Every structure is written in C-alpha cells, then in structure tokens.
C-alpha cells in the first residue's frame, strides 16, 4: 500500500549566495558521505519531481543503521509530516519518547505508520496500539496489548524497544539498525526495508 507524505516549499529573497567557506565545508561533508556512508554527493530527482539532497539521504541512512541517533525533531515538525492522517497530533509523543528513551523519533513515527496504516488499523483504533505490539501471528487482534491512549502506547513501546532491543543486555538485542530490530520484532521479511523507505519519505520531504 502506498502512502504519500505532503511536503512544503518556501523561498528566500535578497540572498547573495554562500561564502567560500560554505563550499569548503560542503565539499568536505560530501567526501565524508561518499567514503563513510556510500552516499552520492550528487542531488537526485525523485519520481515525484522532488529534489532529495545527499545530506537528506545520509540522515535517513544514518537513522536506519542506528535508531538511537537523536533527531531533535519537534512536535510541530513531526505533526507537519502527519498532517491529514489519523496520527496527526501525536508529534509531541514521538518527540518526547526520543528524549526519554533515546529512540529516534522519526524511526518511531515510521514504525507506527507501518504497523498501523497511519493509525487506521483495527488494533490501532480499538486498542490505541499503533505498533502491533504483542499482536502475535496466531491471534493478532486478541493478543495485541491494550493501551489507555495512543500517547501511552508510544511511550510504552519506545521504552520497551530501548530496554529489550537496543540495550546489549536486552532480551532481543541484535544491534542498533532497523534490520537488527526486525530479526526479532517482525516476521515479515520486508519489514525493515518498508520502514527504511518510510524514513526516507519522512526525513527527505
């Protein structure tokens, strides 16, 4: 199922252009991207016509490889990406979870989108469970955990991920990447790639 994230555009007037030091720093940054992350420094054009910079791609790639990286995303920034969906208004909960438990807010947002269809799944609607938490394959609806609010669910799952998946002493620890988490979190073989793609949309738009 395809989803679309609405972006925004703006303009800057009376701007004479970057300084020489800007270009020096940019070139150095691009070199790091290419050598360390394998990201091309050339801007690419997406199928929708939106330009995605190497810095944007690197941010999404970096989060995918380590979901404990802090984004510093605000409630307003996250809500802007969720505008028009059933998840709109929960930006503060995702941002707060990052601050409290060290789990990247954009990853948590992407995870909620993937598991709940932007908050439209029956488990999300009836149980405030945006993550399919404890929705075991044999009885997904019956076994899924009930939360008193969506915010409580976000807080609970963020803490659980931090304690059990992202801590070396955790029961399900395999590493810090989305792929590492997916080894024990989901049975869907495409789970990690789907969330990584959502991350690119969320961070890149």
N, C-alpha and C. Protein backbone atom coordinates (compact mmCIF):
# COMPACT_ATOMS: atom_id res chain seq x y z
N UNK A 1 0.85 -1.19 0.00
CA UNK A 1 0.00 0.00 0.00
C UNK A 1 0.88 1.23 0.00
N UNK A 2 0.63 2.15 -0.88
CA UNK A 2 1.49 3.33 -0.98
C UNK A 2 0.92 4.47 -0.18
N UNK A 3 1.79 5.24 0.42
CA UNK A 3 1.39 6.41 1.16
C UNK A 3 2.14 7.62 0.64
N UNK A 4 1.54 8.76 0.79
CA UNK A 4 2.18 9.98 0.33
C UNK A 4 2.34 10.95 1.48
N UNK A 5 3.53 11.51 1.66
CA UNK A 5 3.78 12.50 2.69
C UNK A 5 3.78 13.87 2.05
N UNK A 6 2.98 14.76 2.56
CA UNK A 6 2.93 16.11 1.99
C UNK A 6 4.09 16.95 2.48
N UNK A 7 4.81 17.54 1.58
CA UNK A 7 5.93 18.40 1.94
C UNK A 7 5.53 19.86 1.91
N UNK A 8 6.53 20.77 1.87
CA UNK A 8 6.22 22.18 1.81
C UNK A 8 7.30 22.85 0.99
N UNK A 9 7.04 24.05 0.56
CA UNK A 9 8.02 24.80 -0.21
C UNK A 9 8.12 26.20 0.35
N UNK A 10 9.23 26.86 0.07
CA UNK A 10 9.41 28.22 0.55
C UNK A 10 10.41 28.93 -0.33
N UNK A 11 10.63 30.20 -0.08
CA UNK A 11 11.59 30.96 -0.87
C UNK A 11 12.35 31.91 0.02
N UNK A 12 13.55 32.28 -0.40
CA UNK A 12 14.39 33.22 0.33
C UNK A 12 14.74 34.36 -0.60
N UNK A 13 14.52 35.58 -0.17
CA UNK A 13 14.80 36.74 -1.01
C UNK A 13 16.03 37.47 -0.50
N UNK A 14 16.64 38.28 -1.37
CA UNK A 14 17.80 39.10 -1.01
C UNK A 14 18.95 38.26 -0.47
N UNK A 15 19.21 37.15 -1.11
CA UNK A 15 20.29 36.26 -0.69
C UNK A 15 21.35 36.25 -1.77
N UNK A 16 22.56 36.69 -1.43
CA UNK A 16 23.60 36.86 -2.44
C UNK A 16 24.35 35.58 -2.76
N UNK A 17 24.18 34.53 -1.91
CA UNK A 17 24.85 33.27 -2.18
C UNK A 17 25.79 32.88 -1.05
N UNK A 18 26.15 31.60 -0.99
CA UNK A 18 27.02 31.12 0.08
C UNK A 18 28.44 31.67 -0.05
N UNK A 19 29.14 31.68 1.09
CA UNK A 19 30.52 32.13 1.10
C UNK A 19 31.44 31.01 0.66
N UNK A 20 32.72 31.34 0.44
CA UNK A 20 33.70 30.32 0.06
C UNK A 20 33.84 29.25 1.13
N UNK A 21 33.75 29.68 2.41
CA UNK A 21 33.89 28.72 3.50
C UNK A 21 32.76 27.70 3.49
N UNK A 22 31.58 28.14 3.02
CA UNK A 22 30.44 27.23 2.90
C UNK A 22 30.76 26.11 1.93
N UNK A 23 31.30 26.48 0.77
CA UNK A 23 31.60 25.46 -0.24
C UNK A 23 32.71 24.52 0.23
N UNK A 24 33.68 25.06 0.98
CA UNK A 24 34.74 24.21 1.51
C UNK A 24 34.16 23.17 2.47
N UNK A 25 33.28 23.63 3.36
CA UNK A 25 32.66 22.73 4.33
C UNK A 25 31.76 21.71 3.62
N UNK A 26 31.03 22.19 2.61
CA UNK A 26 30.13 21.30 1.89
C UNK A 26 30.91 20.19 1.18
N UNK A 27 32.02 20.56 0.53
CA UNK A 27 32.84 19.57 -0.17
C UNK A 27 33.40 18.53 0.79
N UNK A 28 33.82 19.00 1.96
CA UNK A 28 34.36 18.09 2.97
C UNK A 28 33.26 17.14 3.46
N UNK A 29 32.08 17.68 3.66
CA UNK A 29 30.95 16.87 4.10
C UNK A 29 30.59 15.82 3.06
N UNK A 30 30.57 16.22 1.79
CA UNK A 30 30.23 15.29 0.72
C UNK A 30 31.25 14.16 0.62
N UNK A 31 32.53 14.49 0.87
CA UNK A 31 33.57 13.47 0.85
C UNK A 31 33.34 12.43 1.94
N UNK A 32 32.94 12.92 3.13
CA UNK A 32 32.65 12.01 4.25
C UNK A 32 31.47 11.12 3.90
N UNK A 33 30.44 11.71 3.29
CA UNK A 33 29.26 10.94 2.91
C UNK A 33 29.62 9.81 1.96
N UNK A 34 30.43 10.13 0.96
CA UNK A 34 30.78 9.14 -0.05
C UNK A 34 31.67 8.04 0.51
N UNK A 35 32.63 8.43 1.37
CA UNK A 35 33.59 7.46 1.88
C UNK A 35 33.05 6.62 3.02
N UNK A 36 32.26 7.23 3.90
CA UNK A 36 31.79 6.54 5.10
C UNK A 36 30.42 5.89 4.93
N UNK A 37 29.55 6.56 4.16
CA UNK A 37 28.17 6.07 4.07
C UNK A 37 27.81 5.56 2.69
N UNK A 38 28.69 5.76 1.72
CA UNK A 38 28.41 5.29 0.37
C UNK A 38 27.28 6.06 -0.30
N UNK A 39 27.08 7.32 0.10
CA UNK A 39 26.02 8.14 -0.45
C UNK A 39 26.60 9.10 -1.48
N UNK A 40 25.99 9.16 -2.63
CA UNK A 40 26.47 10.06 -3.68
C UNK A 40 26.26 11.51 -3.28
N UNK A 41 27.22 12.35 -3.58
CA UNK A 41 27.09 13.77 -3.24
C UNK A 41 26.28 14.53 -4.27
N UNK A 42 25.86 13.85 -5.33
CA UNK A 42 25.06 14.50 -6.36
C UNK A 42 23.59 14.43 -6.01
N UNK A 43 22.91 15.57 -6.08
CA UNK A 43 21.48 15.58 -5.79
C UNK A 43 20.77 14.70 -6.81
N UNK A 44 19.73 14.02 -6.36
CA UNK A 44 18.96 13.16 -7.24
C UNK A 44 17.53 13.63 -7.33
N UNK A 45 16.86 13.32 -8.44
CA UNK A 45 15.49 13.71 -8.67
C UNK A 45 14.59 12.51 -8.45
N UNK A 46 13.62 12.63 -7.56
CA UNK A 46 12.71 11.53 -7.28
C UNK A 46 11.65 11.46 -8.35
N UNK A 47 10.88 10.35 -8.33
CA UNK A 47 9.85 10.16 -9.35
C UNK A 47 8.76 11.19 -9.26
N UNK A 48 8.61 11.84 -8.10
CA UNK A 48 7.57 12.85 -7.95
C UNK A 48 8.08 14.23 -8.32
N UNK A 49 9.37 14.32 -8.66
CA UNK A 49 9.93 15.60 -9.05
C UNK A 49 10.52 16.38 -7.90
N UNK A 50 10.54 15.81 -6.71
CA UNK A 50 11.10 16.48 -5.55
C UNK A 50 12.59 16.21 -5.47
N UNK A 51 13.39 17.24 -5.31
CA UNK A 51 14.84 17.06 -5.22
C UNK A 51 15.21 16.60 -3.83
N UNK A 52 16.00 15.53 -3.74
CA UNK A 52 16.48 14.99 -2.48
C UNK A 52 17.99 15.14 -2.42
N UNK A 53 18.51 15.85 -1.43
CA UNK A 53 19.94 16.10 -1.35
C UNK A 53 20.66 14.93 -0.69
N UNK A 54 21.99 14.91 -0.88
CA UNK A 54 22.80 13.86 -0.28
C UNK A 54 22.72 13.93 1.24
N UNK A 55 22.64 15.14 1.80
CA UNK A 55 22.55 15.28 3.25
C UNK A 55 21.27 14.65 3.76
N UNK A 56 20.17 14.81 3.03
CA UNK A 56 18.90 14.21 3.41
C UNK A 56 19.00 12.70 3.38
N UNK A 57 19.56 12.16 2.30
CA UNK A 57 19.68 10.72 2.17
C UNK A 57 20.59 10.15 3.27
N UNK A 58 21.64 10.88 3.60
CA UNK A 58 22.55 10.43 4.63
C UNK A 58 21.86 10.38 5.98
N UNK A 59 20.99 11.34 6.25
CA UNK A 59 20.28 11.35 7.52
C UNK A 59 19.39 10.12 7.64
N UNK A 60 18.63 9.82 6.60
CA UNK A 60 17.77 8.64 6.62
C UNK A 60 18.61 7.37 6.73
N UNK A 61 19.72 7.31 6.00
CA UNK A 61 20.58 6.13 6.04
C UNK A 61 21.21 5.96 7.41
N UNK A 62 21.60 7.07 8.02
CA UNK A 62 22.23 7.01 9.33
C UNK A 62 21.25 6.50 10.38
N UNK A 63 20.00 6.99 10.33
CA UNK A 63 18.98 6.53 11.28
C UNK A 63 18.71 5.04 11.08
N UNK A 64 18.64 4.62 9.82
CA UNK A 64 18.36 3.21 9.53
C UNK A 64 19.45 2.30 10.10
N UNK A 65 20.67 2.80 10.16
CA UNK A 65 21.77 1.98 10.66
C UNK A 65 21.94 2.09 12.18
N UNK A 66 21.33 3.12 12.79
CA UNK A 66 21.41 3.28 14.24
C UNK A 66 20.22 4.10 14.71
N UNK A 67 19.19 3.43 15.21
CA UNK A 67 17.97 4.14 15.60
C UNK A 67 18.09 4.84 16.95
N UNK A 68 19.28 4.78 17.57
CA UNK A 68 19.48 5.53 18.80
C UNK A 68 20.03 6.93 18.52
N UNK A 69 20.26 7.26 17.25
CA UNK A 69 20.70 8.60 16.91
C UNK A 69 19.59 9.59 17.20
N UNK A 70 19.91 10.66 17.91
CA UNK A 70 18.91 11.68 18.25
C UNK A 70 18.62 12.55 17.04
N UNK A 71 17.34 12.79 16.78
CA UNK A 71 16.96 13.65 15.67
C UNK A 71 16.73 15.08 16.11
N UNK A 72 16.31 15.26 17.37
CA UNK A 72 15.95 16.59 17.84
C UNK A 72 14.68 17.10 17.20
N UNK A 73 13.90 16.23 16.57
CA UNK A 73 12.67 16.63 15.89
C UNK A 73 11.68 17.19 16.90
N UNK A 74 10.96 18.23 16.50
CA UNK A 74 9.96 18.84 17.36
C UNK A 74 8.58 18.26 17.07
N UNK A 75 7.66 18.50 17.98
CA UNK A 75 6.28 18.05 17.77
C UNK A 75 5.71 18.65 16.50
N UNK A 76 6.01 19.91 16.26
CA UNK A 76 5.48 20.59 15.08
C UNK A 76 6.01 19.98 13.79
N UNK A 77 7.31 19.65 13.77
CA UNK A 77 7.91 19.05 12.58
C UNK A 77 7.30 17.69 12.26
N UNK A 78 7.09 16.90 13.30
CA UNK A 78 6.52 15.57 13.08
C UNK A 78 5.06 15.68 12.67
N UNK A 79 4.32 16.56 13.35
CA UNK A 79 2.91 16.73 13.00
C UNK A 79 2.72 17.22 11.58
N UNK A 80 3.65 18.03 11.10
CA UNK A 80 3.56 18.50 9.72
C UNK A 80 3.60 17.32 8.75
N UNK A 81 4.44 16.35 9.05
CA UNK A 81 4.55 15.17 8.19
C UNK A 81 3.31 14.27 8.29
N UNK A 82 2.61 14.37 9.40
CA UNK A 82 1.44 13.52 9.64
C UNK A 82 0.13 14.22 9.35
N UNK A 83 0.22 15.42 8.83
CA UNK A 83 -0.99 16.20 8.54
C UNK A 83 -1.94 15.43 7.62
N UNK A 84 -3.21 15.43 7.98
CA UNK A 84 -4.22 14.77 7.17
C UNK A 84 -4.36 13.28 7.43
N UNK A 85 -3.62 12.76 8.41
CA UNK A 85 -3.71 11.33 8.74
C UNK A 85 -4.26 11.17 10.16
N UNK A 86 -4.59 9.95 10.52
CA UNK A 86 -5.12 9.66 11.85
C UNK A 86 -4.05 9.80 12.94
N UNK A 87 -2.80 9.94 12.54
CA UNK A 87 -1.71 10.10 13.51
C UNK A 87 -1.40 11.56 13.81
N UNK A 88 -2.05 12.46 13.10
CA UNK A 88 -1.79 13.89 13.31
C UNK A 88 -2.08 14.26 14.77
N UNK A 89 -1.18 15.05 15.34
CA UNK A 89 -1.33 15.48 16.72
C UNK A 89 -0.49 14.68 17.70
N UNK A 90 0.13 13.61 17.23
CA UNK A 90 0.94 12.77 18.11
C UNK A 90 2.43 13.10 18.03
N UNK A 91 2.77 14.15 17.31
CA UNK A 91 4.18 14.53 17.16
C UNK A 91 4.88 14.72 18.48
N UNK A 92 4.18 15.33 19.45
CA UNK A 92 4.78 15.56 20.76
C UNK A 92 5.12 14.26 21.48
N UNK A 93 4.28 13.26 21.32
CA UNK A 93 4.52 11.97 21.97
C UNK A 93 5.75 11.28 21.38
N UNK A 94 5.91 11.36 20.06
CA UNK A 94 7.09 10.76 19.42
C UNK A 94 8.36 11.52 19.82
N UNK A 95 8.27 12.85 19.86
CA UNK A 95 9.43 13.67 20.24
C UNK A 95 9.81 13.42 21.70
N UNK A 96 8.82 13.33 22.57
CA UNK A 96 9.09 13.10 23.99
C UNK A 96 9.70 11.71 24.22
N UNK A 97 9.24 10.73 23.45
CA UNK A 97 9.78 9.37 23.60
C UNK A 97 11.26 9.34 23.25
N UNK A 98 11.65 10.11 22.22
CA UNK A 98 13.07 10.18 21.88
C UNK A 98 13.87 10.76 23.04
N UNK A 99 13.35 11.83 23.62
CA UNK A 99 14.07 12.49 24.73
C UNK A 99 14.19 11.57 25.94
N UNK A 100 13.15 10.82 26.23
CA UNK A 100 13.12 9.98 27.44
C UNK A 100 13.92 8.69 27.28
N UNK A 101 13.84 8.07 26.10
CA UNK A 101 14.38 6.72 25.96
C UNK A 101 15.48 6.59 24.91
N UNK A 102 15.77 7.66 24.19
CA UNK A 102 16.87 7.62 23.24
C UNK A 102 16.57 6.85 21.97
N UNK A 103 15.28 6.68 21.64
CA UNK A 103 14.90 6.02 20.39
C UNK A 103 14.49 7.09 19.39
N UNK A 104 15.12 7.10 18.23
CA UNK A 104 14.90 8.16 17.25
C UNK A 104 13.41 8.37 16.95
N UNK A 105 12.98 9.62 17.03
CA UNK A 105 11.56 9.95 16.87
C UNK A 105 11.05 9.64 15.46
N UNK A 106 11.89 9.83 14.44
CA UNK A 106 11.46 9.54 13.07
C UNK A 106 11.31 8.04 12.86
N UNK A 107 12.18 7.25 13.49
CA UNK A 107 12.03 5.80 13.42
C UNK A 107 10.72 5.37 14.08
N UNK A 108 10.43 5.90 15.26
CA UNK A 108 9.20 5.56 15.94
C UNK A 108 7.98 5.95 15.11
N UNK A 109 8.05 7.11 14.47
CA UNK A 109 6.95 7.55 13.61
C UNK A 109 6.77 6.61 12.44
N UNK A 110 7.87 6.25 11.79
CA UNK A 110 7.80 5.32 10.66
C UNK A 110 7.29 3.95 11.08
N UNK A 111 7.69 3.51 12.26
CA UNK A 111 7.23 2.22 12.77
C UNK A 111 5.73 2.24 13.01
N UNK A 112 5.23 3.32 13.58
CA UNK A 112 3.80 3.46 13.82
C UNK A 112 3.02 3.50 12.51
N UNK A 113 3.55 4.21 11.52
CA UNK A 113 2.90 4.27 10.21
C UNK A 113 2.81 2.88 9.59
N UNK A 114 3.92 2.16 9.62
CA UNK A 114 3.98 0.83 9.01
C UNK A 114 3.04 -0.14 9.68
N UNK A 115 3.03 -0.15 11.01
CA UNK A 115 2.27 -1.15 11.74
C UNK A 115 0.78 -0.83 11.83
N UNK A 116 0.41 0.43 11.68
CA UNK A 116 -1.00 0.81 11.87
C UNK A 116 -1.66 1.37 10.63
N UNK A 117 -0.93 1.46 9.51
CA UNK A 117 -1.51 2.07 8.32
C UNK A 117 -1.93 3.51 8.60
N UNK A 118 -0.98 4.28 9.14
CA UNK A 118 -1.25 5.68 9.52
C UNK A 118 -2.37 5.77 10.55
N UNK A 119 -2.43 4.80 11.48
CA UNK A 119 -3.40 4.85 12.56
C UNK A 119 -4.78 4.34 12.21
N UNK A 120 -4.91 3.67 11.07
CA UNK A 120 -6.23 3.22 10.62
C UNK A 120 -6.53 1.76 10.90
N UNK A 121 -5.58 0.99 11.40
CA UNK A 121 -5.82 -0.43 11.64
C UNK A 121 -6.82 -0.62 12.78
N UNK A 122 -7.43 -1.77 12.82
CA UNK A 122 -8.41 -2.06 13.88
C UNK A 122 -7.73 -2.07 15.25
N UNK A 123 -6.52 -2.64 15.31
CA UNK A 123 -5.80 -2.67 16.58
C UNK A 123 -5.48 -1.27 17.06
N UNK A 124 -5.12 -0.39 16.12
CA UNK A 124 -4.83 1.00 16.50
C UNK A 124 -6.08 1.70 16.98
N UNK A 125 -7.18 1.52 16.25
CA UNK A 125 -8.42 2.21 16.57
C UNK A 125 -9.05 1.72 17.87
N UNK A 126 -9.04 0.40 18.07
CA UNK A 126 -9.72 -0.17 19.24
C UNK A 126 -8.84 -0.23 20.48
N UNK A 127 -7.52 -0.37 20.28
CA UNK A 127 -6.65 -0.63 21.42
C UNK A 127 -5.57 0.44 21.62
N UNK A 128 -5.62 1.51 20.82
CA UNK A 128 -4.59 2.57 20.90
C UNK A 128 -3.19 2.00 20.75
N UNK A 129 -3.09 0.92 20.00
CA UNK A 129 -1.83 0.21 19.81
C UNK A 129 -1.36 0.47 18.37
N UNK A 130 -0.46 1.42 18.21
CA UNK A 130 -0.01 1.84 16.88
C UNK A 130 1.10 0.97 16.32
N UNK A 131 1.64 0.07 17.13
CA UNK A 131 2.84 -0.66 16.74
C UNK A 131 2.60 -2.16 16.54
N UNK A 132 1.37 -2.59 16.61
CA UNK A 132 1.12 -4.02 16.53
C UNK A 132 1.81 -4.76 17.67
N UNK A 133 1.96 -4.07 18.79
CA UNK A 133 2.73 -4.64 19.90
C UNK A 133 1.99 -5.84 20.49
N UNK A 134 2.68 -6.96 20.56
CA UNK A 134 2.18 -8.24 21.05
C UNK A 134 1.06 -8.80 20.17
N UNK A 135 0.95 -8.32 18.94
CA UNK A 135 -0.04 -8.86 18.00
C UNK A 135 0.56 -10.09 17.32
N UNK A 136 0.52 -11.21 18.01
CA UNK A 136 1.15 -12.42 17.51
C UNK A 136 0.38 -12.99 16.33
N UNK A 137 1.10 -13.63 15.43
CA UNK A 137 0.52 -14.09 14.17
C UNK A 137 -0.69 -15.00 14.37
N UNK A 138 -0.68 -15.82 15.41
CA UNK A 138 -1.77 -16.77 15.63
C UNK A 138 -3.08 -16.08 16.02
N UNK A 139 -2.97 -14.95 16.70
CA UNK A 139 -4.17 -14.23 17.16
C UNK A 139 -3.86 -12.74 17.29
N UNK A 140 -3.59 -12.06 16.18
CA UNK A 140 -3.10 -10.68 16.25
C UNK A 140 -4.00 -9.71 17.02
N UNK A 141 -5.29 -9.75 16.77
CA UNK A 141 -6.17 -8.79 17.45
C UNK A 141 -6.33 -9.14 18.92
N UNK A 142 -6.60 -10.39 19.20
CA UNK A 142 -6.84 -10.81 20.59
C UNK A 142 -5.61 -10.62 21.47
N UNK A 143 -4.43 -10.89 20.93
CA UNK A 143 -3.22 -10.83 21.76
C UNK A 143 -2.62 -9.43 21.84
N UNK A 144 -2.97 -8.55 20.93
CA UNK A 144 -2.38 -7.20 20.91
C UNK A 144 -2.67 -6.47 22.22
N UNK A 145 -1.67 -5.80 22.74
CA UNK A 145 -1.80 -5.11 24.02
C UNK A 145 -2.73 -3.91 23.90
N UNK A 146 -3.53 -3.70 24.93
CA UNK A 146 -4.44 -2.55 25.02
C UNK A 146 -3.74 -1.41 25.78
N UNK A 147 -3.85 -0.19 25.25
CA UNK A 147 -3.33 0.99 25.94
C UNK A 147 -4.47 1.96 26.20
N UNK A 148 -4.34 2.76 27.23
CA UNK A 148 -5.40 3.71 27.57
C UNK A 148 -5.45 4.88 26.60
N UNK A 149 -4.33 5.14 25.94
CA UNK A 149 -4.27 6.22 24.95
C UNK A 149 -3.15 5.92 23.96
N UNK A 150 -3.18 6.58 22.83
CA UNK A 150 -2.11 6.40 21.85
C UNK A 150 -0.78 6.89 22.41
N UNK A 151 -0.84 7.97 23.18
CA UNK A 151 0.38 8.50 23.79
C UNK A 151 1.01 7.50 24.75
N UNK A 152 0.16 6.82 25.53
CA UNK A 152 0.68 5.80 26.45
C UNK A 152 1.34 4.67 25.65
N UNK A 153 0.73 4.29 24.55
CA UNK A 153 1.29 3.23 23.71
C UNK A 153 2.64 3.61 23.14
N UNK A 154 2.77 4.84 22.68
CA UNK A 154 4.05 5.32 22.13
C UNK A 154 5.13 5.28 23.21
N UNK A 155 4.79 5.78 24.39
CA UNK A 155 5.75 5.81 25.50
C UNK A 155 6.16 4.39 25.89
N UNK A 156 5.20 3.50 25.99
CA UNK A 156 5.47 2.13 26.42
C UNK A 156 6.37 1.40 25.43
N UNK A 157 6.02 1.48 24.16
CA UNK A 157 6.79 0.75 23.15
C UNK A 157 8.19 1.33 22.99
N UNK A 158 8.32 2.66 23.09
CA UNK A 158 9.65 3.28 23.00
C UNK A 158 10.55 2.77 24.13
N UNK A 159 10.01 2.70 25.34
CA UNK A 159 10.78 2.19 26.48
C UNK A 159 11.12 0.72 26.29
N UNK A 160 10.16 -0.06 25.79
CA UNK A 160 10.39 -1.49 25.58
C UNK A 160 11.48 -1.70 24.53
N UNK A 161 11.43 -0.94 23.45
CA UNK A 161 12.47 -1.05 22.43
C UNK A 161 13.83 -0.69 23.02
N UNK A 162 13.87 0.38 23.80
CA UNK A 162 15.13 0.81 24.40
C UNK A 162 15.70 -0.25 25.33
N UNK A 163 14.84 -0.84 26.16
CA UNK A 163 15.30 -1.81 27.17
C UNK A 163 15.61 -3.18 26.57
N UNK A 164 14.75 -3.65 25.66
CA UNK A 164 14.84 -5.04 25.22
C UNK A 164 15.50 -5.24 23.86
N UNK A 165 15.47 -4.22 23.00
CA UNK A 165 16.02 -4.36 21.66
C UNK A 165 17.30 -3.56 21.43
N UNK A 166 17.46 -2.46 22.15
CA UNK A 166 18.58 -1.56 21.88
C UNK A 166 19.64 -1.54 22.97
N UNK A 167 19.40 -2.26 24.03
CA UNK A 167 20.39 -2.40 25.10
C UNK A 167 21.09 -3.75 24.95
N UNK A 168 22.39 -3.76 25.10
CA UNK A 168 23.15 -5.01 24.92
C UNK A 168 22.71 -6.09 25.90
N UNK A 169 22.11 -5.69 27.00
CA UNK A 169 21.62 -6.67 27.98
C UNK A 169 20.16 -7.04 27.72
N UNK A 170 19.57 -6.46 26.69
CA UNK A 170 18.18 -6.71 26.39
C UNK A 170 17.93 -8.10 25.83
N UNK A 171 16.74 -8.61 26.06
CA UNK A 171 16.37 -9.97 25.65
C UNK A 171 16.44 -10.17 24.14
N UNK A 172 16.12 -9.12 23.37
CA UNK A 172 16.05 -9.25 21.92
C UNK A 172 17.13 -8.44 21.19
N UNK A 173 18.19 -8.11 21.88
CA UNK A 173 19.24 -7.29 21.27
C UNK A 173 19.98 -8.03 20.17
N UNK A 174 20.05 -7.41 18.99
CA UNK A 174 20.86 -7.93 17.88
C UNK A 174 21.74 -6.85 17.27
N UNK A 175 21.54 -5.60 17.69
CA UNK A 175 22.24 -4.46 17.11
C UNK A 175 21.31 -3.27 17.11
N UNK A 176 21.78 -2.17 16.51
CA UNK A 176 21.05 -0.91 16.59
C UNK A 176 20.35 -0.50 15.31
N UNK A 177 20.48 -1.29 14.26
CA UNK A 177 19.86 -0.92 12.98
C UNK A 177 18.41 -1.41 12.91
N UNK A 178 17.67 -0.87 11.95
CA UNK A 178 16.30 -1.32 11.73
C UNK A 178 16.29 -2.80 11.38
N UNK A 179 17.22 -3.21 10.54
CA UNK A 179 17.31 -4.62 10.16
C UNK A 179 17.57 -5.51 11.38
N UNK A 180 18.43 -5.04 12.30
CA UNK A 180 18.73 -5.80 13.52
C UNK A 180 17.47 -5.98 14.37
N UNK A 181 16.71 -4.91 14.52
CA UNK A 181 15.47 -4.97 15.31
C UNK A 181 14.48 -5.92 14.68
N UNK A 182 14.38 -5.85 13.36
CA UNK A 182 13.40 -6.66 12.63
C UNK A 182 13.59 -8.15 12.76
N UNK A 183 14.80 -8.58 13.10
CA UNK A 183 15.06 -10.02 13.23
C UNK A 183 14.18 -10.67 14.30
N UNK A 184 13.83 -9.88 15.32
CA UNK A 184 13.00 -10.43 16.41
C UNK A 184 11.66 -9.73 16.54
N UNK A 185 11.53 -8.55 15.94
CA UNK A 185 10.30 -7.76 16.12
C UNK A 185 9.19 -8.19 15.17
N UNK A 186 9.54 -8.59 13.94
CA UNK A 186 8.53 -8.87 12.93
C UNK A 186 8.87 -10.13 12.15
N UNK A 187 7.83 -10.81 11.67
CA UNK A 187 8.03 -12.00 10.84
C UNK A 187 8.03 -11.65 9.36
N UNK A 188 7.56 -10.45 9.01
CA UNK A 188 7.53 -10.01 7.62
C UNK A 188 8.95 -9.74 7.14
N UNK A 189 9.36 -10.42 6.08
CA UNK A 189 10.72 -10.27 5.55
C UNK A 189 10.98 -8.88 4.99
N UNK A 190 9.93 -8.17 4.62
CA UNK A 190 10.08 -6.83 4.04
C UNK A 190 9.92 -5.72 5.06
N UNK A 191 9.80 -6.07 6.33
CA UNK A 191 9.52 -5.11 7.39
C UNK A 191 10.58 -4.00 7.45
N UNK A 192 11.83 -4.39 7.52
CA UNK A 192 12.92 -3.41 7.66
C UNK A 192 13.01 -2.48 6.46
N UNK A 193 12.90 -3.04 5.26
CA UNK A 193 13.02 -2.20 4.07
C UNK A 193 11.83 -1.25 3.95
N UNK A 194 10.65 -1.70 4.37
CA UNK A 194 9.46 -0.84 4.31
C UNK A 194 9.60 0.36 5.24
N UNK A 195 10.10 0.12 6.45
CA UNK A 195 10.26 1.23 7.40
C UNK A 195 11.40 2.14 6.96
N UNK A 196 12.45 1.57 6.40
CA UNK A 196 13.55 2.40 5.89
C UNK A 196 13.06 3.32 4.78
N UNK A 197 12.19 2.81 3.92
CA UNK A 197 11.64 3.64 2.86
C UNK A 197 10.76 4.75 3.43
N UNK A 198 9.97 4.43 4.43
CA UNK A 198 9.15 5.46 5.09
C UNK A 198 10.03 6.52 5.72
N UNK A 199 11.13 6.09 6.31
CA UNK A 199 12.08 7.04 6.91
C UNK A 199 12.57 8.04 5.87
N UNK A 200 12.90 7.54 4.69
CA UNK A 200 13.35 8.42 3.61
C UNK A 200 12.31 9.44 3.25
N UNK A 201 11.04 9.02 3.25
CA UNK A 201 9.96 9.97 2.95
C UNK A 201 9.79 11.00 4.05
N UNK A 202 9.82 10.54 5.29
CA UNK A 202 9.62 11.44 6.43
C UNK A 202 10.73 12.47 6.56
N UNK A 203 11.96 12.00 6.45
CA UNK A 203 13.10 12.90 6.63
C UNK A 203 13.40 13.68 5.36
N UNK A 204 13.08 13.08 4.21
CA UNK A 204 13.51 13.67 2.94
C UNK A 204 12.56 14.67 2.33
N UNK A 205 11.30 14.68 2.75
CA UNK A 205 10.34 15.58 2.10
C UNK A 205 10.54 17.02 2.53
